[in-house]
Amino acid sequence: MPRSHRKVVETPQSRALDATAREYNQTEDRLAELRDKLVADAIEAIRHGGLSIAEAARRAGYSREHLGRLFAEANELDGWVKPKKNTATD
């Protein structure tokens, strides 16, 4: 015999729970977006802003080792190579 469907009666508390769960999930999504932007901004600051990995890591709240790994992964993914200094003499 098939089971009958449970019928849940909505209450102010169950609606509040649903609203809080939605807000929590939206906040987690926004946090993930900001984390990606933080890493992208740190990599950009290292590549073109003159910051060292250690300084960018300090400002971003990462360890130097962790940001160094993220930087290396980003370089591998997009093929970025640090430009060589022009040491040509006249």
C-alpha atoms as a PDB file:
ATOM      1  CA  MET A   1       0.000   0.000   0.000  1.00  0.00           C
ATOM      2  CA  PRO A   2       1.481   3.396  -0.946  1.00  0.00           C
ATOM      3  CA  ARG A   3       2.316   5.783   1.807  1.00  0.00           C
ATOM      4  CA  SER A   4       0.280   8.899   2.138  1.00  0.00           C
ATOM      5  CA  HIS A   5       2.059  12.191   1.595  1.00  0.00           C
ATOM      6  CA  ARG A   6       3.006  14.058   4.715  1.00  0.00           C
ATOM      7  CA  LYS A   7       1.272  17.339   4.954  1.00  0.00           C
ATOM      8  CA  VAL A   8       3.258  20.016   6.700  1.00  0.00           C
ATOM      9  CA  VAL A   9       1.371  22.940   8.060  1.00  0.00           C
ATOM     10  CA  GLU A  10       3.340  26.125   7.502  1.00  0.00           C
ATOM     11  CA  THR A  11       3.840  28.225  10.592  1.00  0.00           C
ATOM     12  CA  PRO A  12       5.579  31.543  11.180  1.00  0.00           C
ATOM     13  CA  GLN A  13       8.539  29.581  12.555  1.00  0.00           C
ATOM     14  CA  SER A  14       8.805  27.304   9.510  1.00  0.00           C
ATOM     15  CA  ARG A  15       8.613  30.336   7.205  1.00  0.00           C
ATOM     16  CA  ALA A  16      11.306  32.071   9.263  1.00  0.00           C
ATOM     17  CA  LEU A  17      13.483  28.961   8.949  1.00  0.00           C
ATOM     18  CA  ASP A  18      12.990  28.935   5.161  1.00  0.00           C
ATOM     19  CA  ALA A  19      13.861  32.638   4.910  1.00  0.00           C
ATOM     20  CA  THR A  20      16.983  32.255   7.035  1.00  0.00           C
ATOM     21  CA  ALA A  21      18.103  29.203   5.039  1.00  0.00           C
ATOM     22  CA  ARG A  22      17.660  31.166   1.789  1.00  0.00           C
ATOM     23  CA  GLU A  23      19.607  34.124   3.167  1.00  0.00           C
ATOM     24  CA  TYR A  24      22.365  31.816   4.426  1.00  0.00           C
ATOM     25  CA  ASN A  25      22.702  30.122   1.031  1.00  0.00           C
ATOM     26  CA  GLN A  26      22.781  33.480  -0.769  1.00  0.00           C
ATOM     27  CA  THR A  27      25.469  34.694   1.628  1.00  0.00           C
ATOM     28  CA  GLU A  28      27.571  31.575   1.008  1.00  0.00           C
ATOM     29  CA  ASP A  29      27.242  32.122  -2.761  1.00  0.00           C
ATOM     30  CA  ARG A  30      28.314  35.759  -2.374  1.00  0.00           C
ATOM     31  CA  LEU A  31      31.232  34.712  -0.172  1.00  0.00           C
ATOM     32  CA  ALA A  32      32.431  32.285  -2.858  1.00  0.00           C
ATOM     33  CA  GLU A  33      32.248  35.072  -5.459  1.00  0.00           C
ATOM     34  CA  LEU A  34      34.221  37.423  -3.210  1.00  0.00           C
ATOM     35  CA  ARG A  35      36.830  34.733  -2.507  1.00  0.00           C
ATOM     36  CA  ASP A  36      37.378  34.285  -6.258  1.00  0.00           C
ATOM     37  CA  LYS A  37      37.621  38.065  -6.719  1.00  0.00           C
ATOM     38  CA  LEU A  38      40.071  38.357  -3.810  1.00  0.00           C
ATOM     39  CA  VAL A  39      42.377  35.789  -5.401  1.00  0.00           C
ATOM     40  CA  ALA A  40      42.056  37.405  -8.845  1.00  0.00           C
ATOM     41  CA  ASP A  41      42.838  40.848  -7.404  1.00  0.00           C
ATOM     42  CA  ALA A  42      45.838  39.477  -5.494  1.00  0.00           C
ATOM     43  CA  ILE A  43      47.195  37.827  -8.634  1.00  0.00           C
ATOM     44  CA  GLU A  44      46.687  41.035 -10.613  1.00  0.00           C
ATOM     45  CA  ALA A  45      48.499  43.024  -7.892  1.00  0.00           C
ATOM     46  CA  ILE A  46      51.432  40.615  -8.034  1.00  0.00           C
ATOM     47  CA  ARG A  47      51.619  40.567 -11.823  1.00  0.00           C
ATOM     48  CA  HIS A  48      51.074  44.226 -12.599  1.00  0.00           C
ATOM     49  CA  GLY A  49      50.920  46.137  -9.329  1.00  0.00           C
ATOM     50  CA  GLY A  50      54.419  45.532  -8.108  1.00  0.00           C
ATOM     51  CA  LEU A  51      53.449  43.637  -4.952  1.00  0.00           C
ATOM     52  CA  SER A  52      55.419  40.637  -3.801  1.00  0.00           C
ATOM     53  CA  ILE A  53      53.575  37.398  -3.150  1.00  0.00           C
ATOM     54  CA  ALA A  54      54.255  37.843   0.569  1.00  0.00           C
ATOM     55  CA  GLU A  55      52.779  41.371   0.645  1.00  0.00           C
ATOM     56  CA  ALA A  56      49.736  40.389  -1.426  1.00  0.00           C
ATOM     57  CA  ALA A  57      49.189  37.378   0.842  1.00  0.00           C
ATOM     58  CA  ARG A  58      49.400  39.553   3.968  1.00  0.00           C
ATOM     59  CA  ARG A  59      46.834  41.981   2.566  1.00  0.00           C
ATOM     60  CA  ALA A  60      44.505  39.206   1.373  1.00  0.00           C
ATOM     61  CA  GLY A  61      44.735  37.195   4.592  1.00  0.00           C
ATOM     62  CA  TYR A  62      46.379  34.143   3.000  1.00  0.00           C
ATOM     63  CA  SER A  63      49.685  32.510   3.813  1.00  0.00           C
ATOM     64  CA  ARG A  64      52.526  33.267   1.424  1.00  0.00           C
ATOM     65  CA  GLU A  65      52.720  29.568   0.528  1.00  0.00           C
ATOM     66  CA  HIS A  66      49.012  29.280  -0.258  1.00  0.00           C
ATOM     67  CA  LEU A  67      48.902  32.404  -2.406  1.00  0.00           C
ATOM     68  CA  GLY A  68      52.095  31.273  -4.120  1.00  0.00           C
ATOM     69  CA  ARG A  69      50.357  28.027  -5.115  1.00  0.00           C
ATOM     70  CA  LEU A  70      47.280  29.908  -6.334  1.00  0.00           C
ATOM     71  CA  PHE A  71      49.538  32.268  -8.296  1.00  0.00           C
ATOM     72  CA  ALA A  72      51.408  29.358  -9.902  1.00  0.00           C
ATOM     73  CA  GLU A  73      48.122  27.635 -10.818  1.00  0.00           C
ATOM     74  CA  ALA A  74      46.775  30.838 -12.377  1.00  0.00           C
ATOM     75  CA  ASN A  75      49.976  31.310 -14.359  1.00  0.00           C
ATOM     76  CA  GLU A  76      49.793  27.748 -15.635  1.00  0.00           C
ATOM     77  CA  LEU A  77      46.124  28.113 -16.589  1.00  0.00           C
ATOM     78  CA  ASP A  78      46.497  31.314 -18.576  1.00  0.00           C
ATOM     79  CA  GLY A  79      50.115  30.951 -19.671  1.00  0.00           C
ATOM     80  CA  TRP A  80      51.325  34.165 -18.018  1.00  0.00           C
ATOM     81  CA  VAL A  81      55.098  34.510 -17.855  1.00  0.00           C
ATOM     82  CA  LYS A  82      56.859  37.248 -15.932  1.00  0.00           C
ATOM     83  CA  PRO A  83      58.359  39.737 -18.412  1.00  0.00           C
ATOM     84  CA  LYS A  84      62.128  39.852 -18.469  1.00  0.00           C
ATOM     85  CA  LYS A  85      63.790  43.084 -17.439  1.00  0.00           C
ATOM     86  CA  ASN A  86      65.307  45.000 -20.311  1.00  0.00           C
ATOM     87  CA  THR A  87      69.027  44.912 -19.567  1.00  0.00           C
ATOM     88  CA  ALA A  88      70.191  45.890 -23.028  1.00  0.00           C
ATOM     89  CA  THR A  89      72.925  48.487 -23.093  1.00  0.00           C
ATOM     90  CA  ASP A  90      73.321  51.167 -25.748  1.00  0.00           C
END
